[in-house]
Each structure stands twice: as structure tokens, then as C-alpha cells.
Amino acid sequence: MRADTSILSADARIALATEGLTKAWGGFVANSDVNFSLRVGARHALIGPNGAGKTTFINMLTGVLSPTSGRVLLSGEDVTNDPQEKRVRKGIARTFQINNLFPALTVLESVLLAILERRNEAGHWFRPLRTHVAELEEALDLISKLGLEAQAGEEVHTLAYGKQRLVEIALALATRPRILLLDEPAAGIPAGDSSEVFSVISKLPSEISILFIEHDMDLVRRFSECITVLVGGKILTQGTPDDVMSDPRVREVYLGGGGHG
């Protein structure tokens, strides 16, 4: 399904879009001519079988990988050649399949450090906490939004895995993003805890546009308003959860031999 991206990229309601995004290594094509749009404030799921190219696609959105061809547009601005750090400053934040945390720091210390990094003041980290009044207030507010008040003083490595994922999301939010990209936020989390993680995600401010990769189709149906299906590095279809889940091609991918991934 090919979108008219000449219209999408100029549409103020589109937070992030790609035009013909392609990534190839030699003869292997991970993503091919992907035309995608993420609406402002959307809760958008990216699904597909193993090897579909989902993480590669996210890596190109964030600048971890450079595309072979095509463009990445942030609110209509071409950021294809911007490095990862510049995209973060422009409002793109991301979490990973594997936790990327400071295990020996407390939750509060971790979030505070992320805020100081955003302000280019990480070198002030070792000053007394009382000198970071505004940053402390911001950190405590983020911790509250993620439901981590009871764990604020605990070292990250002591937390249950689901709580660690919430800390990682807090670190991403500390960059004050317009767009939050979540790569399997429920990976490795027991089923009961994964619902809690997504419940917290669903309550994040509506002005933040969220694109998430997820395997659990029940979570996808409950917490997304739009789904894009990648198969073989290309968009197979996209639409509302009901439309996508009832598409016979999607059913064939998930029930006819395609594994989740």
C-alpha cells in the first residue's frame, strides 16, 4: 500500500514520514521502498514476522543506520542526513529491545542524569542534589507519570524487568520528545506485567506520537489505533486494528507459517 507522501510530508498532522525508504547490504534488502506516516499524537503499532525489517526501519528513523535510498521527514523537514544526536534534539526518542540503563544508579539518579544530558550539563552530575532543584522536580514528575514513585530510591538493577522497561521509557521522555519509538517495550516481561507497561504508555501525553514494535497481538489490538504490517521489508498493509486483523494476508502471515518478530 503506497501512500501519497508528497501530501503527507506537507501535512501538519503528520509527525514523521518516510518516502521510498530502502536499506540494503549487498544483495540483501532489509527494507524496500517503505512509504510510511505517523500522525501527531498517534499510538501506532509496527508488526511483522521475523526478519520483516522492523528494527532496521526504526534504526533508520533514529539515525542509527543510514538508508541506501529514500528520505525521513520530521514534521515535513528532511532529516535523512542528520546524525542520531541531532534527531534527538529535534524530538525523536527511542527505546531498545534490550534495556539500555545505568544499573548501579537509582531510578531518580538515572532520570536526573538523562535530564542533565539533555541540558548539556552532565558534567554537573557530581554536584550536590540541592543544586539541581528544577531538574529534580522534572525527574520526580517523570517518575510519577511512569508510576515509579515507590522505586525512585532503588537501584535499577534490583527492579523487576517490567519496572526497568518503565525506567527506560522515563529516560527517553527526559529528552522531551515529540516522537517516541518503542522497540518491543514488553520483550521479556511476564504477561501480567506487560499490560501494566502498556497501560502506562497509553497514558503518556497526547502530544507525543508513539510508534511501537510488539509481538503480542492482544496488546497491539488494545493499545494501538493504527497498525502497519511489514513483510519482507515492505509494507503489506496498514489501517485500524480491526481492518488489519481481518485482512486474510495478515492472517496468512501469522497463522500460515510466519513467526512473530
C-alpha atoms as a PDB file:
ATOM      1  CA  MET A   1       0.000   0.000   0.000  1.00  0.00           C
ATOM      2  CA  ARG A   2       1.727   3.157  -1.222  1.00  0.00           C
ATOM      3  CA  ALA A   3       0.841   6.465   0.376  1.00  0.00           C
ATOM      4  CA  ASP A   4       0.948   9.814  -1.417  1.00  0.00           C
ATOM      5  CA  THR A   5       3.853  11.086   0.624  1.00  0.00           C
ATOM      6  CA  SER A   6       4.085  14.332  -1.315  1.00  0.00           C
ATOM      7  CA  ILE A   7       0.868  15.214   0.525  1.00  0.00           C
ATOM      8  CA  LEU A   8       1.761  13.530   3.807  1.00  0.00           C
ATOM      9  CA  SER A   9       5.099  15.274   4.247  1.00  0.00           C
ATOM     10  CA  ALA A  10       3.455  18.700   3.976  1.00  0.00           C
ATOM     11  CA  ASP A  11       0.565  17.800   6.281  1.00  0.00           C
ATOM     12  CA  ALA A  12       0.903  19.461   9.697  1.00  0.00           C
ATOM     13  CA  ARG A  13      -0.839  16.451  11.257  1.00  0.00           C
ATOM     14  CA  ILE A  14       1.995  14.147  10.209  1.00  0.00           C
ATOM     15  CA  ALA A  15       4.726  13.932  12.833  1.00  0.00           C
ATOM     16  CA  LEU A  16       7.060  11.565  10.991  1.00  0.00           C
ATOM     17  CA  ALA A  17       7.076  10.158   7.472  1.00  0.00           C
ATOM     18  CA  THR A  18       9.283   8.203   5.110  1.00  0.00           C
ATOM     19  CA  GLU A  19       9.469   8.324   1.329  1.00  0.00           C
ATOM     20  CA  GLY A  20      10.810   5.298  -0.507  1.00  0.00           C
ATOM     21  CA  LEU A  21      12.983   4.290   2.445  1.00  0.00           C
ATOM     22  CA  THR A  22      15.295   1.452   1.464  1.00  0.00           C
ATOM     23  CA  LYS A  23      18.177  -0.302   3.224  1.00  0.00           C
ATOM     24  CA  ALA A  24      20.339  -2.903   1.516  1.00  0.00           C
ATOM     25  CA  TRP A  25      23.581  -4.641   2.361  1.00  0.00           C
ATOM     26  CA  GLY A  26      24.940  -6.040  -0.874  1.00  0.00           C
ATOM     27  CA  GLY A  27      22.258  -8.319  -2.250  1.00  0.00           C
ATOM     28  CA  PHE A  28      20.246  -8.385   0.987  1.00  0.00           C
ATOM     29  CA  VAL A  29      17.427  -5.844   1.135  1.00  0.00           C
ATOM     30  CA  ALA A  30      16.140  -5.291   4.683  1.00  0.00           C
ATOM     31  CA  ASN A  31      13.657  -2.549   3.769  1.00  0.00           C
ATOM     32  CA  SER A  32      12.400  -1.729   0.300  1.00  0.00           C
ATOM     33  CA  ASP A  33      10.619   1.467  -0.770  1.00  0.00           C
ATOM     34  CA  VAL A  34       8.824   1.991   2.551  1.00  0.00           C
ATOM     35  CA  ASN A  35       6.336   4.878   2.470  1.00  0.00           C
ATOM     36  CA  PHE A  36       5.065   5.451   5.980  1.00  0.00           C
ATOM     37  CA  SER A  37       3.440   8.188   8.049  1.00  0.00           C
ATOM     38  CA  LEU A  38       2.931   8.648  11.788  1.00  0.00           C
ATOM     39  CA  ARG A  39       0.209  11.097  12.735  1.00  0.00           C
ATOM     40  CA  VAL A  40       0.649  13.608  15.539  1.00  0.00           C
ATOM     41  CA  GLY A  41      -0.484  12.028  18.804  1.00  0.00           C
ATOM     42  CA  ALA A  42      -0.906   8.566  17.269  1.00  0.00           C
ATOM     43  CA  ARG A  43      -0.457   5.241  19.041  1.00  0.00           C
ATOM     44  CA  HIS A  44       0.802   3.260  16.058  1.00  0.00           C
ATOM     45  CA  ALA A  45       1.966  -0.373  16.052  1.00  0.00           C
ATOM     46  CA  LEU A  46       4.552  -1.846  13.691  1.00  0.00           C
ATOM     47  CA  ILE A  47       4.219  -5.614  13.364  1.00  0.00           C
ATOM     48  CA  GLY A  48       5.504  -8.389  11.137  1.00  0.00           C
ATOM     49  CA  PRO A  49       7.185 -11.805  11.124  1.00  0.00           C
ATOM     50  CA  ASN A  50      10.825 -12.470  11.982  1.00  0.00           C
ATOM     51  CA  GLY A  51      13.157 -10.763   9.533  1.00  0.00           C
ATOM     52  CA  ALA A  52      10.495  -8.329   8.340  1.00  0.00           C
ATOM     53  CA  GLY A  53      12.831  -5.356   8.778  1.00  0.00           C
ATOM     54  CA  LYS A  54      11.070  -3.650  11.686  1.00  0.00           C
ATOM     55  CA  THR A  55      14.147  -2.838  13.789  1.00  0.00           C
ATOM     56  CA  THR A  56      16.113  -1.815  10.698  1.00  0.00           C
ATOM     57  CA  PHE A  57      13.303   0.596   9.859  1.00  0.00           C
ATOM     58  CA  ILE A  58      13.348   2.075  13.378  1.00  0.00           C
ATOM     59  CA  ASN A  59      17.143   2.366  13.162  1.00  0.00           C
ATOM     60  CA  MET A  60      16.806   4.458  10.007  1.00  0.00           C
ATOM     61  CA  LEU A  61      14.190   6.689  11.625  1.00  0.00           C
ATOM     62  CA  THR A  62      16.539   7.415  14.528  1.00  0.00           C
ATOM     63  CA  GLY A  63      19.757   7.751  12.537  1.00  0.00           C
ATOM     64  CA  VAL A  64      21.423   4.602  13.848  1.00  0.00           C
ATOM     65  CA  LEU A  65      21.506   3.429  10.224  1.00  0.00           C
ATOM     66  CA  SER A  66      21.676   5.487   7.037  1.00  0.00           C
ATOM     67  CA  PRO A  67      19.257   4.445   4.289  1.00  0.00           C
ATOM     68  CA  THR A  68      20.509   3.246   0.936  1.00  0.00           C
ATOM     69  CA  SER A  69      17.865   5.480  -0.620  1.00  0.00           C
ATOM     70  CA  GLY A  70      14.750   7.392   0.365  1.00  0.00           C
ATOM     71  CA  ARG A  71      14.010  10.106   2.899  1.00  0.00           C
ATOM     72  CA  VAL A  72      12.987  10.541   6.544  1.00  0.00           C
ATOM     73  CA  LEU A  73      10.783  13.581   7.218  1.00  0.00           C
ATOM     74  CA  LEU A  74      10.204  15.052  10.673  1.00  0.00           C
ATOM     75  CA  SER A  75       7.171  17.362  10.515  1.00  0.00           C
ATOM     76  CA  GLY A  76       7.986  17.815   6.834  1.00  0.00           C
ATOM     77  CA  GLU A  77      11.691  18.562   7.425  1.00  0.00           C
ATOM     78  CA  ASP A  78      14.168  16.256   5.716  1.00  0.00           C
ATOM     79  CA  VAL A  79      16.327  14.753   8.482  1.00  0.00           C
ATOM     80  CA  THR A  80      17.704  11.852   6.434  1.00  0.00           C
ATOM     81  CA  ASN A  81      21.293  13.016   6.805  1.00  0.00           C
ATOM     82  CA  ASP A  82      21.011  14.204  10.400  1.00  0.00           C
ATOM     83  CA  PRO A  83      23.052  12.183  12.920  1.00  0.00           C
ATOM     84  CA  GLN A  84      21.330  10.424  15.799  1.00  0.00           C
ATOM     85  CA  GLU A  85      22.148  13.147  18.356  1.00  0.00           C
ATOM     86  CA  LYS A  86      20.658  15.874  16.171  1.00  0.00           C
ATOM     87  CA  ARG A  87      17.438  13.896  15.709  1.00  0.00           C
ATOM     88  CA  VAL A  88      17.182  13.510  19.480  1.00  0.00           C
ATOM     89  CA  ARG A  89      17.484  17.279  19.858  1.00  0.00           C
ATOM     90  CA  LYS A  90      14.751  17.703  17.249  1.00  0.00           C
ATOM     91  CA  GLY A  91      12.410  15.453  19.215  1.00  0.00           C
ATOM     92  CA  ILE A  92      12.899  11.783  18.282  1.00  0.00           C
ATOM     93  CA  ALA A  93      13.462   9.434  21.237  1.00  0.00           C
ATOM     94  CA  ARG A  94      13.804   5.676  21.218  1.00  0.00           C
ATOM     95  CA  THR A  95      13.999   2.635  23.488  1.00  0.00           C
ATOM     96  CA  PHE A  96      15.624  -0.683  22.615  1.00  0.00           C
ATOM     97  CA  GLN A  97      14.759  -4.392  22.714  1.00  0.00           C
ATOM     98  CA  ILE A  98      17.462  -4.775  25.380  1.00  0.00           C
ATOM     99  CA  ASN A  99      17.486  -2.408  28.334  1.00  0.00           C
ATOM    100  CA  ASN A 100      19.922   0.470  27.945  1.00  0.00           C
ATOM    101  CA  LEU A 101      20.152   1.622  31.566  1.00  0.00           C
ATOM    102  CA  PHE A 102      22.550   2.660  34.342  1.00  0.00           C
ATOM    103  CA  PRO A 103      22.161  -0.440  36.567  1.00  0.00           C
ATOM    104  CA  ALA A 104      24.084   0.847  39.603  1.00  0.00           C
ATOM    105  CA  LEU A 105      22.205   4.161  39.786  1.00  0.00           C
ATOM    106  CA  THR A 106      18.870   4.651  41.487  1.00  0.00           C
ATOM    107  CA  VAL A 107      15.795   5.377  39.397  1.00  0.00           C
ATOM    108  CA  LEU A 108      15.897   9.031  40.454  1.00  0.00           C
ATOM    109  CA  GLU A 109      19.611   9.348  39.708  1.00  0.00           C
ATOM    110  CA  SER A 110      19.144   7.754  36.278  1.00  0.00           C
ATOM    111  CA  VAL A 111      16.344  10.105  35.246  1.00  0.00           C
ATOM    112  CA  LEU A 112      18.171  13.121  36.674  1.00  0.00           C
ATOM    113  CA  LEU A 113      21.296  12.237  34.692  1.00  0.00           C
ATOM    114  CA  ALA A 114      19.233  11.923  31.488  1.00  0.00           C
ATOM    115  CA  ILE A 115      17.772  15.389  32.094  1.00  0.00           C
ATOM    116  CA  LEU A 116      21.234  16.856  32.700  1.00  0.00           C
ATOM    117  CA  GLU A 117      22.457  15.243  29.472  1.00  0.00           C
ATOM    118  CA  ARG A 118      19.593  16.897  27.578  1.00  0.00           C
ATOM    119  CA  ARG A 119      20.674  20.238  29.044  1.00  0.00           C
ATOM    120  CA  ASN A 120      24.337  19.547  28.184  1.00  0.00           C
ATOM    121  CA  GLU A 121      25.090  19.632  31.910  1.00  0.00           C
ATOM    122  CA  ALA A 122      26.039  16.009  32.552  1.00  0.00           C
ATOM    123  CA  GLY A 123      29.387  17.280  33.831  1.00  0.00           C
ATOM    124  CA  HIS A 124      27.492  18.833  36.748  1.00  0.00           C
ATOM    125  CA  TRP A 125      26.274  15.396  37.820  1.00  0.00           C
ATOM    126  CA  PHE A 126      28.534  15.229  40.886  1.00  0.00           C
ATOM    127  CA  ARG A 127      27.312  18.492  42.390  1.00  0.00           C
ATOM    128  CA  PRO A 128      25.047  18.187  45.466  1.00  0.00           C
ATOM    129  CA  LEU A 129      21.439  17.327  44.630  1.00  0.00           C
ATOM    130  CA  ARG A 130      20.246  20.590  46.190  1.00  0.00           C
ATOM    131  CA  THR A 131      21.895  22.443  43.285  1.00  0.00           C
ATOM    132  CA  HIS A 132      19.609  20.664  40.792  1.00  0.00           C
ATOM    133  CA  VAL A 133      16.241  21.897  42.086  1.00  0.00           C
ATOM    134  CA  ALA A 134      14.484  22.369  38.720  1.00  0.00           C
ATOM    135  CA  GLU A 135      15.925  19.159  37.307  1.00  0.00           C
ATOM    136  CA  LEU A 136      14.907  17.211  40.414  1.00  0.00           C
ATOM    137  CA  GLU A 137      11.336  18.472  40.117  1.00  0.00           C
ATOM    138  CA  GLU A 138      11.249  17.408  36.472  1.00  0.00           C
ATOM    139  CA  ALA A 139      12.726  13.994  37.291  1.00  0.00           C
ATOM    140  CA  LEU A 140      10.206  13.370  40.068  1.00  0.00           C
ATOM    141  CA  ASP A 141       7.362  14.399  37.757  1.00  0.00           C
ATOM    142  CA  LEU A 142       8.522  11.913  35.107  1.00  0.00           C
ATOM    143  CA  ILE A 143       8.904   9.180  37.706  1.00  0.00           C
ATOM    144  CA  SER A 144       5.357   9.864  38.884  1.00  0.00           C
ATOM    145  CA  LYS A 145       3.958   9.715  35.344  1.00  0.00           C
ATOM    146  CA  LEU A 146       5.560   6.298  34.878  1.00  0.00           C
ATOM    147  CA  GLY A 147       4.200   5.016  38.200  1.00  0.00           C
ATOM    148  CA  LEU A 148       7.672   4.565  39.680  1.00  0.00           C
ATOM    149  CA  GLU A 149       7.388   6.704  42.827  1.00  0.00           C
ATOM    150  CA  ALA A 150       7.857   3.712  45.138  1.00  0.00           C
ATOM    151  CA  GLN A 151      11.033   2.695  43.279  1.00  0.00           C
ATOM    152  CA  ALA A 152      12.630   6.174  42.997  1.00  0.00           C
ATOM    153  CA  GLY A 153      15.343   5.400  45.553  1.00  0.00           C
ATOM    154  CA  GLU A 154      16.041   1.842  44.399  1.00  0.00           C
ATOM    155  CA  GLU A 155      18.985   0.867  42.213  1.00  0.00           C
ATOM    156  CA  VAL A 156      17.817  -0.001  38.717  1.00  0.00           C
ATOM    157  CA  HIS A 157      19.389  -3.476  38.693  1.00  0.00           C
ATOM    158  CA  THR A 158      17.207  -4.511  41.662  1.00  0.00           C
ATOM    159  CA  LEU A 159      13.935  -3.791  39.845  1.00  0.00           C
ATOM    160  CA  ALA A 160      11.680  -6.307  38.153  1.00  0.00           C
ATOM    161  CA  TYR A 161      12.145  -6.320  34.387  1.00  0.00           C
ATOM    162  CA  GLY A 162       8.842  -4.571  33.721  1.00  0.00           C
ATOM    163  CA  LYS A 163       9.838  -1.708  36.027  1.00  0.00           C
ATOM    164  CA  GLN A 164      13.199  -1.486  34.255  1.00  0.00           C
ATOM    165  CA  ARG A 165      11.396  -1.003  30.953  1.00  0.00           C
ATOM    166  CA  LEU A 166       9.421   1.843  32.502  1.00  0.00           C
ATOM    167  CA  VAL A 167      12.681   3.427  33.672  1.00  0.00           C
ATOM    168  CA  GLU A 168      13.991   3.188  30.120  1.00  0.00           C
ATOM    169  CA  ILE A 169      10.867   4.953  28.865  1.00  0.00           C
ATOM    170  CA  ALA A 170      11.396   7.634  31.524  1.00  0.00           C
ATOM    171  CA  LEU A 171      14.929   8.185  30.205  1.00  0.00           C
ATOM    172  CA  ALA A 172      13.556   8.595  26.689  1.00  0.00           C
ATOM    173  CA  LEU A 173      10.921  11.045  27.923  1.00  0.00           C
ATOM    174  CA  ALA A 174      13.648  13.046  29.666  1.00  0.00           C
ATOM    175  CA  THR A 175      14.734  14.214  26.207  1.00  0.00           C
ATOM    176  CA  ARG A 176      11.300  15.888  25.844  1.00  0.00           C
ATOM    177  CA  PRO A 177      10.461  14.097  22.603  1.00  0.00           C
ATOM    178  CA  ARG A 178       7.726  14.802  20.118  1.00  0.00           C
ATOM    179  CA  ILE A 179       8.055  11.238  18.849  1.00  0.00           C
ATOM    180  CA  LEU A 180       8.690   8.127  20.947  1.00  0.00           C
ATOM    181  CA  LEU A 181       9.825   4.931  19.217  1.00  0.00           C
ATOM    182  CA  LEU A 182       9.497   1.793  21.331  1.00  0.00           C
ATOM    183  CA  ASP A 183      11.254  -1.357  20.146  1.00  0.00           C
ATOM    184  CA  GLU A 184       9.418  -4.241  21.837  1.00  0.00           C
ATOM    185  CA  PRO A 185       8.656  -2.500  25.142  1.00  0.00           C
ATOM    186  CA  ALA A 186       7.138  -5.702  26.553  1.00  0.00           C
ATOM    187  CA  ALA A 187      10.000  -8.001  25.494  1.00  0.00           C
ATOM    188  CA  GLY A 188      10.972 -10.405  28.273  1.00  0.00           C
ATOM    189  CA  ILE A 189       8.221  -9.200  30.589  1.00  0.00           C
ATOM    190  CA  PRO A 190       5.676 -11.640  32.100  1.00  0.00           C
ATOM    191  CA  ALA A 191       2.240 -11.338  30.506  1.00  0.00           C
ATOM    192  CA  GLY A 192       0.634  -9.693  33.521  1.00  0.00           C
ATOM    193  CA  ASP A 193       3.346  -7.045  33.751  1.00  0.00           C
ATOM    194  CA  SER A 194       3.309  -6.272  30.019  1.00  0.00           C
ATOM    195  CA  SER A 195      -0.263  -4.997  30.282  1.00  0.00           C
ATOM    196  CA  GLU A 196       0.877  -2.679  33.073  1.00  0.00           C
ATOM    197  CA  VAL A 197       3.686  -1.314  30.903  1.00  0.00           C
ATOM    198  CA  PHE A 198       1.316  -0.623  28.018  1.00  0.00           C
ATOM    199  CA  SER A 199      -1.271   0.888  30.329  1.00  0.00           C
ATOM    200  CA  VAL A 200       1.341   3.417  31.455  1.00  0.00           C
ATOM    201  CA  ILE A 201       2.394   4.067  27.846  1.00  0.00           C
ATOM    202  CA  SER A 202      -1.225   4.698  26.841  1.00  0.00           C
ATOM    203  CA  LYS A 203      -1.467   7.476  29.439  1.00  0.00           C
ATOM    204  CA  LEU A 204       1.519   9.446  28.164  1.00  0.00           C
ATOM    205  CA  PRO A 205       0.756  12.995  26.963  1.00  0.00           C
ATOM    206  CA  SER A 206      -1.347  13.002  23.800  1.00  0.00           C
ATOM    207  CA  GLU A 207       1.024  15.395  22.020  1.00  0.00           C
ATOM    208  CA  ILE A 208       3.682  12.656  21.954  1.00  0.00           C
ATOM    209  CA  SER A 209       3.380  10.477  18.852  1.00  0.00           C
ATOM    210  CA  ILE A 210       4.239   6.841  19.592  1.00  0.00           C
ATOM    211  CA  LEU A 211       5.370   4.108  17.206  1.00  0.00           C
ATOM    212  CA  PHE A 212       5.954   0.721  18.831  1.00  0.00           C
ATOM    213  CA  ILE A 213       7.049  -2.734  17.730  1.00  0.00           C
ATOM    214  CA  GLU A 214       5.189  -5.502  19.530  1.00  0.00           C
ATOM    215  CA  HIS A 215       4.656  -9.257  19.119  1.00  0.00           C
ATOM    216  CA  ASP A 216       1.628  -9.720  21.359  1.00  0.00           C
ATOM    217  CA  MET A 217      -1.372  -9.214  19.097  1.00  0.00           C
ATOM    218  CA  ASP A 218      -3.708  -8.737  22.049  1.00  0.00           C
ATOM    219  CA  LEU A 219      -1.602  -5.807  23.261  1.00  0.00           C
ATOM    220  CA  VAL A 220      -1.429  -4.422  19.727  1.00  0.00           C
ATOM    221  CA  ARG A 221      -5.203  -4.540  19.348  1.00  0.00           C
ATOM    222  CA  ARG A 222      -5.825  -2.977  22.769  1.00  0.00           C
ATOM    223  CA  PHE A 223      -3.298  -0.171  22.680  1.00  0.00           C
ATOM    224  CA  SER A 224      -2.921   0.912  19.037  1.00  0.00           C
ATOM    225  CA  GLU A 225      -5.217   2.946  16.845  1.00  0.00           C
ATOM    226  CA  CYS A 226      -3.296   2.160  13.664  1.00  0.00           C
ATOM    227  CA  ILE A 227      -1.176  -0.819  12.589  1.00  0.00           C
ATOM    228  CA  THR A 228       1.436  -1.133   9.860  1.00  0.00           C
ATOM    229  CA  VAL A 229       2.419  -4.647   8.787  1.00  0.00           C
ATOM    230  CA  LEU A 230       5.913  -5.208   7.396  1.00  0.00           C
ATOM    231  CA  VAL A 231       6.658  -8.406   5.490  1.00  0.00           C
ATOM    232  CA  GLY A 232       9.912  -8.977   3.649  1.00  0.00           C
ATOM    233  CA  GLY A 233      10.957  -5.393   4.275  1.00  0.00           C
ATOM    234  CA  LYS A 234       7.877  -3.935   2.582  1.00  0.00           C
ATOM    235  CA  ILE A 235       4.549  -2.637   3.861  1.00  0.00           C
ATOM    236  CA  LEU A 236       1.949  -5.343   3.340  1.00  0.00           C
ATOM    237  CA  THR A 237      -0.952  -3.284   4.657  1.00  0.00           C
ATOM    238  CA  GLN A 238      -1.854  -0.684   7.254  1.00  0.00           C
ATOM    239  CA  GLY A 239      -5.037   0.535   8.881  1.00  0.00           C
ATOM    240  CA  THR A 240      -7.139   0.210  12.016  1.00  0.00           C
ATOM    241  CA  PRO A 241      -6.638  -2.857  14.237  1.00  0.00           C
ATOM    242  CA  ASP A 242      -9.943  -4.366  13.090  1.00  0.00           C
ATOM    243  CA  ASP A 243      -9.148  -3.849   9.411  1.00  0.00           C
ATOM    244  CA  VAL A 244      -5.624  -5.216   9.687  1.00  0.00           C
ATOM    245  CA  MET A 245      -6.513  -8.213  11.858  1.00  0.00           C
ATOM    246  CA  SER A 246      -9.288  -9.225   9.459  1.00  0.00           C
ATOM    247  CA  ASP A 247      -7.061  -8.961   6.373  1.00  0.00           C
ATOM    248  CA  PRO A 248      -6.581 -12.510   5.014  1.00  0.00           C
ATOM    249  CA  ARG A 249      -2.999 -11.692   4.003  1.00  0.00           C
ATOM    250  CA  VAL A 250      -2.149 -10.799   7.604  1.00  0.00           C
ATOM    251  CA  ARG A 251      -3.868 -13.931   8.875  1.00  0.00           C
ATOM    252  CA  GLU A 252      -1.788 -15.969   6.459  1.00  0.00           C
ATOM    253  CA  VAL A 253       1.443 -14.358   7.692  1.00  0.00           C
ATOM    254  CA  TYR A 254       0.655 -15.096  11.348  1.00  0.00           C
ATOM    255  CA  LEU A 255      -1.252 -18.355  11.039  1.00  0.00           C
ATOM    256  CA  GLY A 256       0.172 -19.829   7.876  1.00  0.00           C
ATOM    257  CA  GLY A 257       3.819 -20.154   8.805  1.00  0.00           C
ATOM    258  CA  GLY A 258       5.206 -16.678   9.524  1.00  0.00           C
ATOM    259  CA  GLY A 259       6.651 -16.404  13.016  1.00  0.00           C
ATOM    260  CA  HIS A 260       6.359 -13.265  15.095  1.00  0.00           C
ATOM    261  CA  GLY A 261       9.315 -10.927  15.088  1.00  0.00           C
END
